[in-house]
């Protein structure tokens, strides 16, 4: 039996704000990145609201991570990566 929800993995400033490396959040239906961030802020505190500090990505085991916009939908069973600031160069 599998649980309905989303696996969240935190890196960099996101991990410091969340206080954990990984978290499972129950979720029965589709949600958006924006709604997920609000739930995390309620759970982890206001420090988590500095989501402009990095990327939120959907992880695909075949294609790798893909950056998400705040209004993109997240399906149950997804793995979401919260990455620190990514600098090119």
PDB file of N, CA and C in Angstrom:
ATOM      1  N   UNK A   1       0.851  -1.180   0.000  1.00  0.00           N
ATOM      2  CA  UNK A   1       0.000   0.000   0.000  1.00  0.00           C
ATOM      3  C   UNK A   1       0.895   1.241   0.000  1.00  0.00           C
ATOM      4  N   UNK A   2       0.649   2.156  -0.892  1.00  0.00           N
ATOM      5  CA  UNK A   2       1.434   3.382  -0.943  1.00  0.00           C
ATOM      6  C   UNK A   2       0.606   4.543  -0.400  1.00  0.00           C
ATOM      7  N   UNK A   3       1.286   5.488   0.195  1.00  0.00           N
ATOM      8  CA  UNK A   3       0.609   6.664   0.736  1.00  0.00           C
ATOM      9  C   UNK A   3       0.505   7.717  -0.356  1.00  0.00           C
ATOM     10  N   UNK A   4      -0.598   8.459  -0.348  1.00  0.00           N
ATOM     11  CA  UNK A   4      -0.739   9.582  -1.273  1.00  0.00           C
ATOM     12  C   UNK A   4      -0.013  10.777  -0.687  1.00  0.00           C
ATOM     13  N   UNK A   5       0.875  11.337  -1.478  1.00  0.00           N
ATOM     14  CA  UNK A   5       1.583  12.510  -1.003  1.00  0.00           C
ATOM     15  C   UNK A   5       2.743  12.862  -1.897  1.00  0.00           C
ATOM     16  N   UNK A   6       3.537  13.804  -1.428  1.00  0.00           N
ATOM     17  CA  UNK A   6       4.667  14.326  -2.179  1.00  0.00           C
ATOM     18  C   UNK A   6       5.915  14.200  -1.311  1.00  0.00           C
ATOM     19  N   UNK A   7       7.007  13.727  -1.919  1.00  0.00           N
ATOM     20  CA  UNK A   7       8.291  13.678  -1.229  1.00  0.00           C
ATOM     21  C   UNK A   7       9.034  14.968  -1.527  1.00  0.00           C
ATOM     22  N   UNK A   8       9.482  15.635  -0.480  1.00  0.00           N
ATOM     23  CA  UNK A   8      10.185  16.906  -0.609  1.00  0.00           C
ATOM     24  C   UNK A   8      11.624  16.724  -0.147  1.00  0.00           C
ATOM     25  N   UNK A   9      12.574  17.188  -0.951  1.00  0.00           N
ATOM     26  CA  UNK A   9      13.992  17.114  -0.594  1.00  0.00           C
ATOM     27  C   UNK A   9      14.551  18.527  -0.596  1.00  0.00           C
ATOM     28  N   UNK A  10      15.223  18.891   0.502  1.00  0.00           N
ATOM     29  CA  UNK A  10      15.679  20.260   0.709  1.00  0.00           C
ATOM     30  C   UNK A  10      17.197  20.355   0.651  1.00  0.00           C
ATOM     31  N   UNK A  11      17.688  21.434   0.027  1.00  0.00           N
ATOM     32  CA  UNK A  11      19.122  21.695  -0.087  1.00  0.00           C
ATOM     33  C   UNK A  11      19.391  23.164   0.220  1.00  0.00           C
ATOM     34  N   UNK A  12      20.609  23.457   0.690  1.00  0.00           N
ATOM     35  CA  UNK A  12      21.030  24.842   0.919  1.00  0.00           C
ATOM     36  C   UNK A  12      20.140  25.575   1.903  1.00  0.00           C
ATOM     37  N   UNK A  13      19.759  26.829   1.577  1.00  0.00           N
ATOM     38  CA  UNK A  13      18.953  27.627   2.508  1.00  0.00           C
ATOM     39  C   UNK A  13      17.581  27.006   2.786  1.00  0.00           C
ATOM     40  N   UNK A  14      17.061  26.250   1.835  1.00  0.00           N
ATOM     41  CA  UNK A  14      15.773  25.576   2.044  1.00  0.00           C
ATOM     42  C   UNK A  14      15.891  24.556   3.177  1.00  0.00           C
ATOM     43  N   UNK A  15      17.002  23.804   3.193  1.00  0.00           N
ATOM     44  CA  UNK A  15      17.203  22.787   4.228  1.00  0.00           C
ATOM     45  C   UNK A  15      17.325  23.439   5.607  1.00  0.00           C
ATOM     46  N   UNK A  16      18.038  24.542   5.685  1.00  0.00           N
ATOM     47  CA  UNK A  16      18.160  25.247   6.969  1.00  0.00           C
ATOM     48  C   UNK A  16      16.788  25.723   7.450  1.00  0.00           C
ATOM     49  N   UNK A  17      15.973  26.232   6.549  1.00  0.00           N
ATOM     50  CA  UNK A  17      14.644  26.724   6.922  1.00  0.00           C
ATOM     51  C   UNK A  17      13.712  25.583   7.318  1.00  0.00           C
ATOM     52  N   UNK A  18      13.786  24.455   6.602  1.00  0.00           N
ATOM     53  CA  UNK A  18      12.911  23.317   6.883  1.00  0.00           C
ATOM     54  C   UNK A  18      13.375  22.541   8.109  1.00  0.00           C
ATOM     55  N   UNK A  19      14.680  22.541   8.361  1.00  0.00           N
ATOM     56  CA  UNK A  19      15.222  21.805   9.496  1.00  0.00           C
ATOM     57  C   UNK A  19      15.389  20.319   9.254  1.00  0.00           C
ATOM     58  N   UNK A  20      15.122  19.861   8.037  1.00  0.00           N
ATOM     59  CA  UNK A  20      15.273  18.447   7.671  1.00  0.00           C
ATOM     60  C   UNK A  20      15.771  18.358   6.233  1.00  0.00           C
ATOM     61  N   UNK A  21      16.324  17.195   5.874  1.00  0.00           N
ATOM     62  CA  UNK A  21      16.761  16.973   4.493  1.00  0.00           C
ATOM     63  C   UNK A  21      15.613  16.504   3.614  1.00  0.00           C
ATOM     64  N   UNK A  22      14.690  15.752   4.196  1.00  0.00           N
ATOM     65  CA  UNK A  22      13.595  15.169   3.418  1.00  0.00           C
ATOM     66  C   UNK A  22      12.332  15.154   4.261  1.00  0.00           C
ATOM     67  N   UNK A  23      11.189  15.328   3.583  1.00  0.00           N
ATOM     68  CA  UNK A  23       9.905  15.381   4.263  1.00  0.00           C
ATOM     69  C   UNK A  23       8.846  14.795   3.341  1.00  0.00           C
ATOM     70  N   UNK A  24       7.937  14.008   3.894  1.00  0.00           N
ATOM     71  CA  UNK A  24       6.793  13.507   3.137  1.00  0.00           C
ATOM     72  C   UNK A  24       5.573  14.299   3.577  1.00  0.00           C
ATOM     73  N   UNK A  25       4.874  14.887   2.605  1.00  0.00           N
ATOM     74  CA  UNK A  25       3.648  15.622   2.912  1.00  0.00           C
ATOM     75  C   UNK A  25       2.462  14.910   2.275  1.00  0.00           C
ATOM     76  N   UNK A  26       1.494  14.476   3.092  1.00  0.00           N
ATOM     77  CA  UNK A  26       0.299  13.843   2.537  1.00  0.00           C
ATOM     78  C   UNK A  26      -0.423  14.796   1.589  1.00  0.00           C
ATOM     79  N   UNK A  27      -0.927  14.226   0.491  1.00  0.00           N
ATOM     80  CA  UNK A  27      -1.640  15.030  -0.506  1.00  0.00           C
ATOM     81  C   UNK A  27      -2.510  14.091  -1.322  1.00  0.00           C
ATOM     82  N   UNK A  28      -3.818  14.298  -1.283  1.00  0.00           N
ATOM     83  CA  UNK A  28      -4.734  13.427  -2.011  1.00  0.00           C
ATOM     84  C   UNK A  28      -4.953  13.851  -3.451  1.00  0.00           C
ATOM     85  N   UNK A  29      -4.842  15.134  -3.734  1.00  0.00           N
ATOM     86  CA  UNK A  29      -5.116  15.627  -5.080  1.00  0.00           C
ATOM     87  C   UNK A  29      -4.008  16.513  -5.591  1.00  0.00           C
ATOM     88  N   UNK A  30      -4.298  17.167  -6.694  1.00  0.00           N
ATOM     89  CA  UNK A  30      -3.341  18.075  -7.326  1.00  0.00           C
ATOM     90  C   UNK A  30      -3.239  19.356  -6.497  1.00  0.00           C
ATOM     91  N   UNK A  31      -2.029  19.891  -6.376  1.00  0.00           N
ATOM     92  CA  UNK A  31      -1.805  21.177  -5.721  1.00  0.00           C
ATOM     93  C   UNK A  31      -0.849  21.989  -6.590  1.00  0.00           C
ATOM     94  N   UNK A  32      -0.613  23.223  -6.230  1.00  0.00           N
ATOM     95  CA  UNK A  32       0.351  24.050  -6.964  1.00  0.00           C
ATOM     96  C   UNK A  32       1.585  24.280  -6.094  1.00  0.00           C
ATOM     97  N   UNK A  33       2.652  24.727  -6.723  1.00  0.00           N
ATOM     98  CA  UNK A  33       3.870  25.062  -5.984  1.00  0.00           C
ATOM     99  C   UNK A  33       3.553  26.137  -4.949  1.00  0.00           C
ATOM    100  N   UNK A  34       2.781  27.134  -5.334  1.00  0.00           N
ATOM    101  CA  UNK A  34       2.418  28.225  -4.424  1.00  0.00           C
ATOM    102  C   UNK A  34       1.706  27.691  -3.172  1.00  0.00           C
ATOM    103  N   UNK A  35       0.744  26.796  -3.353  1.00  0.00           N
ATOM    104  CA  UNK A  35       0.016  26.219  -2.213  1.00  0.00           C
ATOM    105  C   UNK A  35       0.940  25.368  -1.347  1.00  0.00           C
ATOM    106  N   UNK A  36       1.826  24.625  -1.976  1.00  0.00           N
ATOM    107  CA  UNK A  36       2.784  23.810  -1.236  1.00  0.00           C
ATOM    108  C   UNK A  36       3.695  24.692  -0.384  1.00  0.00           C
ATOM    109  N   UNK A  37       4.161  25.801  -0.942  1.00  0.00           N
ATOM    110  CA  UNK A  37       5.011  26.724  -0.190  1.00  0.00           C
ATOM    111  C   UNK A  37       4.267  27.315   1.006  1.00  0.00           C
ATOM    112  N   UNK A  38       2.978  27.612   0.846  1.00  0.00           N
ATOM    113  CA  UNK A  38       2.184  28.136   1.965  1.00  0.00           C
ATOM    114  C   UNK A  38       2.051  27.095   3.068  1.00  0.00           C
ATOM    115  N   UNK A  39       1.847  25.830   2.695  1.00  0.00           N
ATOM    116  CA  UNK A  39       1.763  24.756   3.689  1.00  0.00           C
ATOM    117  C   UNK A  39       3.089  24.601   4.426  1.00  0.00           C
ATOM    118  N   UNK A  40       4.190  24.690   3.684  1.00  0.00           N
ATOM    119  CA  UNK A  40       5.508  24.564   4.306  1.00  0.00           C
ATOM    120  C   UNK A  40       5.805  25.741   5.225  1.00  0.00           C
ATOM    121  N   UNK A  41       5.377  26.927   4.846  1.00  0.00           N
ATOM    122  CA  UNK A  41       5.570  28.098   5.706  1.00  0.00           C
ATOM    123  C   UNK A  41       4.794  27.929   7.010  1.00  0.00           C
ATOM    124  N   UNK A  42       3.564  27.408   6.918  1.00  0.00           N
ATOM    125  CA  UNK A  42       2.763  27.178   8.121  1.00  0.00           C
ATOM    126  C   UNK A  42       3.417  26.123   9.014  1.00  0.00           C
ATOM    127  N   UNK A  43       4.036  25.138   8.405  1.00  0.00           N
ATOM    128  CA  UNK A  43       4.660  24.046   9.160  1.00  0.00           C
ATOM    129  C   UNK A  43       6.040  24.426   9.704  1.00  0.00           C
ATOM    130  N   UNK A  44       6.844  25.133   8.911  1.00  0.00           N
ATOM    131  CA  UNK A  44       8.252  25.387   9.244  1.00  0.00           C
ATOM    132  C   UNK A  44       8.519  26.788   9.776  1.00  0.00           C
ATOM    133  N   UNK A  45       7.564  27.694   9.633  1.00  0.00           N
ATOM    134  CA  UNK A  45       7.757  29.057  10.112  1.00  0.00           C
ATOM    135  C   UNK A  45       8.005  30.036   8.988  1.00  0.00           C
ATOM    136  N   UNK A  46       8.004  31.304   9.347  1.00  0.00           N
ATOM    137  CA  UNK A  46       8.123  32.376   8.356  1.00  0.00           C
ATOM    138  C   UNK A  46       9.443  32.366   7.609  1.00  0.00           C
ATOM    139  N   UNK A  47      10.485  31.795   8.209  1.00  0.00           N
ATOM    140  CA  UNK A  47      11.786  31.745   7.538  1.00  0.00           C
ATOM    141  C   UNK A  47      11.685  31.006   6.201  1.00  0.00           C
ATOM    142  N   UNK A  48      10.743  30.085   6.105  1.00  0.00           N
ATOM    143  CA  UNK A  48      10.597  29.310   4.878  1.00  0.00           C
ATOM    144  C   UNK A  48      10.037  30.147   3.736  1.00  0.00           C
ATOM    145  N   UNK A  49       9.449  31.293   4.040  1.00  0.00           N
ATOM    146  CA  UNK A  49       8.811  32.106   3.002  1.00  0.00           C
ATOM    147  C   UNK A  49       9.809  32.809   2.093  1.00  0.00           C
ATOM    148  N   UNK A  50      11.101  32.670   2.351  1.00  0.00           N
ATOM    149  CA  UNK A  50      12.107  33.301   1.481  1.00  0.00           C
ATOM    150  C   UNK A  50      12.365  32.421   0.262  1.00  0.00           C
ATOM    151  N   UNK A  51      11.278  31.987  -0.388  1.00  0.00           N
ATOM    152  CA  UNK A  51      11.405  31.053  -1.505  1.00  0.00           C
ATOM    153  C   UNK A  51      11.990  31.669  -2.754  1.00  0.00           C
ATOM    154  N   UNK A  52      12.273  32.944  -2.749  1.00  0.00           N
ATOM    155  CA  UNK A  52      12.967  33.550  -3.873  1.00  0.00           C
ATOM    156  C   UNK A  52      14.452  33.234  -3.852  1.00  0.00           C
ATOM    157  N   UNK A  53      14.895  32.507  -2.847  1.00  0.00           N
ATOM    158  CA  UNK A  53      16.312  32.223  -2.631  1.00  0.00           C
ATOM    159  C   UNK A  53      16.819  31.025  -3.426  1.00  0.00           C
ATOM    160  N   UNK A  54      16.004  30.386  -4.221  1.00  0.00           N
ATOM    161  CA  UNK A  54      16.464  29.215  -4.952  1.00  0.00           C
ATOM    162  C   UNK A  54      15.390  28.666  -5.863  1.00  0.00           C
ATOM    163  N   UNK A  55      15.660  27.489  -6.402  1.00  0.00           N
ATOM    164  CA  UNK A  55      14.750  26.852  -7.354  1.00  0.00           C
ATOM    165  C   UNK A  55      13.904  25.777  -6.693  1.00  0.00           C
ATOM    166  N   UNK A  56      12.670  25.634  -7.182  1.00  0.00           N
ATOM    167  CA  UNK A  56      11.810  24.517  -6.831  1.00  0.00           C
ATOM    168  C   UNK A  56      11.685  23.694  -8.103  1.00  0.00           C
ATOM    169  N   UNK A  57      12.053  22.403  -8.023  1.00  0.00           N
ATOM    170  CA  UNK A  57      12.093  21.552  -9.215  1.00  0.00           C
ATOM    171  C   UNK A  57      11.303  20.270  -9.011  1.00  0.00           C
ATOM    172  N   UNK A  58      10.711  19.791 -10.088  1.00  0.00           N
ATOM    173  CA  UNK A  58      10.117  18.467 -10.130  1.00  0.00           C
ATOM    174  C   UNK A  58      11.211  17.508 -10.549  1.00  0.00           C
ATOM    175  N   UNK A  59      11.389  16.414  -9.799  1.00  0.00           N
ATOM    176  CA  UNK A  59      12.431  15.455 -10.142  1.00  0.00           C
ATOM    177  C   UNK A  59      11.835  14.332 -10.976  1.00  0.00           C
ATOM    178  N   UNK A  60      12.453  14.060 -12.108  1.00  0.00           N
ATOM    179  CA  UNK A  60      12.084  12.958 -12.997  1.00  0.00           C
ATOM    180  C   UNK A  60      13.303  12.055 -13.099  1.00  0.00           C
ATOM    181  N   UNK A  61      13.148  10.775 -12.751  1.00  0.00           N
ATOM    182  CA  UNK A  61      14.297   9.863 -12.721  1.00  0.00           C
ATOM    183  C   UNK A  61      14.928   9.656 -14.093  1.00  0.00           C
ATOM    184  N   UNK A  62      14.191   9.892 -15.166  1.00  0.00           N
ATOM    185  CA  UNK A  62      14.745   9.719 -16.509  1.00  0.00           C
ATOM    186  C   UNK A  62      15.290  11.025 -17.086  1.00  0.00           C
ATOM    187  N   UNK A  63      14.612  12.133 -16.836  1.00  0.00           N
ATOM    188  CA  UNK A  63      14.990  13.417 -17.439  1.00  0.00           C
ATOM    189  C   UNK A  63      15.743  14.342 -16.484  1.00  0.00           C
ATOM    190  N   UNK A  64      15.772  14.022 -15.201  1.00  0.00           N
ATOM    191  CA  UNK A  64      16.407  14.888 -14.216  1.00  0.00           C
ATOM    192  C   UNK A  64      15.448  15.956 -13.720  1.00  0.00           C
ATOM    193  N   UNK A  65      15.954  16.950 -12.975  1.00  0.00           N
ATOM    194  CA  UNK A  65      15.080  17.984 -12.414  1.00  0.00           C
ATOM    195  C   UNK A  65      14.639  19.008 -13.455  1.00  0.00           C
ATOM    196  N   UNK A  66      13.414  19.518 -13.252  1.00  0.00           N
ATOM    197  CA  UNK A  66      12.866  20.571 -14.112  1.00  0.00           C
ATOM    198  C   UNK A  66      12.310  21.666 -13.212  1.00  0.00           C
ATOM    199  N   UNK A  67      12.777  22.899 -13.419  1.00  0.00           N
ATOM    200  CA  UNK A  67      12.324  24.031 -12.606  1.00  0.00           C
ATOM    201  C   UNK A  67      10.822  24.244 -12.778  1.00  0.00           C
ATOM    202  N   UNK A  68      10.159  24.577 -11.677  1.00  0.00           N
ATOM    203  CA  UNK A  68       8.717  24.802 -11.672  1.00  0.00           C
ATOM    204  C   UNK A  68       8.399  26.266 -11.404  1.00  0.00           C
ATOM    205  N   UNK A  69       7.321  26.747 -12.023  1.00  0.00           N
ATOM    206  CA  UNK A  69       6.773  28.065 -11.725  1.00  0.00           C
ATOM    207  C   UNK A  69       5.845  27.931 -10.522  1.00  0.00           C
ATOM    208  N   UNK A  70       5.535  29.037  -9.872  1.00  0.00           N
ATOM    209  CA  UNK A  70       4.695  29.001  -8.677  1.00  0.00           C
ATOM    210  C   UNK A  70       3.301  28.446  -8.933  1.00  0.00           C
ATOM    211  N   UNK A  71       2.772  28.606 -10.142  1.00  0.00           N
ATOM    212  CA  UNK A  71       1.411  28.154 -10.422  1.00  0.00           C
ATOM    213  C   UNK A  71       1.349  26.791 -11.103  1.00  0.00           C
ATOM    214  N   UNK A  72       2.486  26.114 -11.235  1.00  0.00           N
ATOM    215  CA  UNK A  72       2.476  24.779 -11.841  1.00  0.00           C
ATOM    216  C   UNK A  72       1.901  23.759 -10.871  1.00  0.00           C
ATOM    217  N   UNK A  73       1.244  22.756 -11.440  1.00  0.00           N
ATOM    218  CA  UNK A  73       0.595  21.729 -10.634  1.00  0.00           C
ATOM    219  C   UNK A  73       1.574  20.637 -10.230  1.00  0.00           C
ATOM    220  N   UNK A  74       1.348  20.113  -9.024  1.00  0.00           N
ATOM    221  CA  UNK A  74       2.132  19.008  -8.485  1.00  0.00           C
ATOM    222  C   UNK A  74       1.167  17.864  -8.210  1.00  0.00           C
ATOM    223  N   UNK A  75       1.457  16.700  -8.756  1.00  0.00           N
ATOM    224  CA  UNK A  75       0.611  15.527  -8.581  1.00  0.00           C
ATOM    225  C   UNK A  75       1.086  14.692  -7.400  1.00  0.00           C
ATOM    226  N   UNK A  76       0.165  13.976  -6.721  1.00  0.00           N
ATOM    227  CA  UNK A  76       0.588  13.044  -5.683  1.00  0.00           C
ATOM    228  C   UNK A  76       1.586  12.040  -6.267  1.00  0.00           C
ATOM    229  N   UNK A  77       2.560  11.645  -5.469  1.00  0.00           N
ATOM    230  CA  UNK A  77       3.588  10.717  -5.924  1.00  0.00           C
ATOM    231  C   UNK A  77       4.821  11.406  -6.477  1.00  0.00           C
ATOM    232  N   UNK A  78       4.780  12.728  -6.606  1.00  0.00           N
ATOM    233  CA  UNK A  78       5.910  13.487  -7.143  1.00  0.00           C
ATOM    234  C   UNK A  78       7.016  13.643  -6.106  1.00  0.00           C
ATOM    235  N   UNK A  79       8.227  13.856  -6.612  1.00  0.00           N
ATOM    236  CA  UNK A  79       9.357  14.241  -5.770  1.00  0.00           C
ATOM    237  C   UNK A  79       9.733  15.663  -6.157  1.00  0.00           C
ATOM    238  N   UNK A  80       9.753  16.540  -5.170  1.00  0.00           N
ATOM    239  CA  UNK A  80      10.049  17.952  -5.400  1.00  0.00           C
ATOM    240  C   UNK A  80      11.372  18.287  -4.726  1.00  0.00           C
ATOM    241  N   UNK A  81      12.259  18.942  -5.471  1.00  0.00           N
ATOM    242  CA  UNK A  81      13.558  19.355  -4.958  1.00  0.00           C
ATOM    243  C   UNK A  81      13.538  20.854  -4.698  1.00  0.00           C
ATOM    244  N   UNK A  82      14.007  21.252  -3.536  1.00  0.00           N
ATOM    245  CA  UNK A  82      14.161  22.662  -3.186  1.00  0.00           C
ATOM    246  C   UNK A  82      15.658  22.924  -3.184  1.00  0.00           C
ATOM    247  N   UNK A  83      16.139  23.578  -4.245  1.00  0.00           N
ATOM    248  CA  UNK A  83      17.571  23.784  -4.437  1.00  0.00           C
ATOM    249  C   UNK A  83      17.984  25.178  -4.009  1.00  0.00           C
ATOM    250  N   UNK A  84      19.225  25.309  -3.589  1.00  0.00           N
ATOM    251  CA  UNK A  84      19.770  26.618  -3.243  1.00  0.00           C
ATOM    252  C   UNK A  84      19.942  27.460  -4.487  1.00  0.00           C
ATOM    253  N   UNK A  85      20.551  28.603  -4.322  1.00  0.00           N
ATOM    254  CA  UNK A  85      20.772  29.522  -5.434  1.00  0.00           C
ATOM    255  C   UNK A  85      21.690  28.865  -6.458  1.00  0.00           C
ATOM    256  N   UNK A  86      21.279  28.897  -7.716  1.00  0.00           N
ATOM    257  CA  UNK A  86      22.062  28.311  -8.799  1.00  0.00           C
ATOM    258  C   UNK A  86      22.698  29.451  -9.577  1.00  0.00           C
ATOM    259  N   UNK A  87      24.022  29.433  -9.649  1.00  0.00           N
ATOM    260  CA  UNK A  87      24.745  30.481 -10.372  1.00  0.00           C
ATOM    261  C   UNK A  87      25.418  29.877 -11.586  1.00  0.00           C
ATOM    262  N   UNK A  88      25.321  30.565 -12.707  1.00  0.00           N
ATOM    263  CA  UNK A  88      25.997  30.074 -13.908  1.00  0.00           C
ATOM    264  C   UNK A  88      27.363  30.721 -14.003  1.00  0.00           C
ATOM    265  N   UNK A  89      28.233  30.094 -14.775  1.00  0.00           N
ATOM    266  CA  UNK A  89      29.521  30.722 -14.960  1.00  0.00           C
ATOM    267  C   UNK A  89      30.573  29.748 -14.841  1.00  0.00           C
TER     268      UNK A  89
END
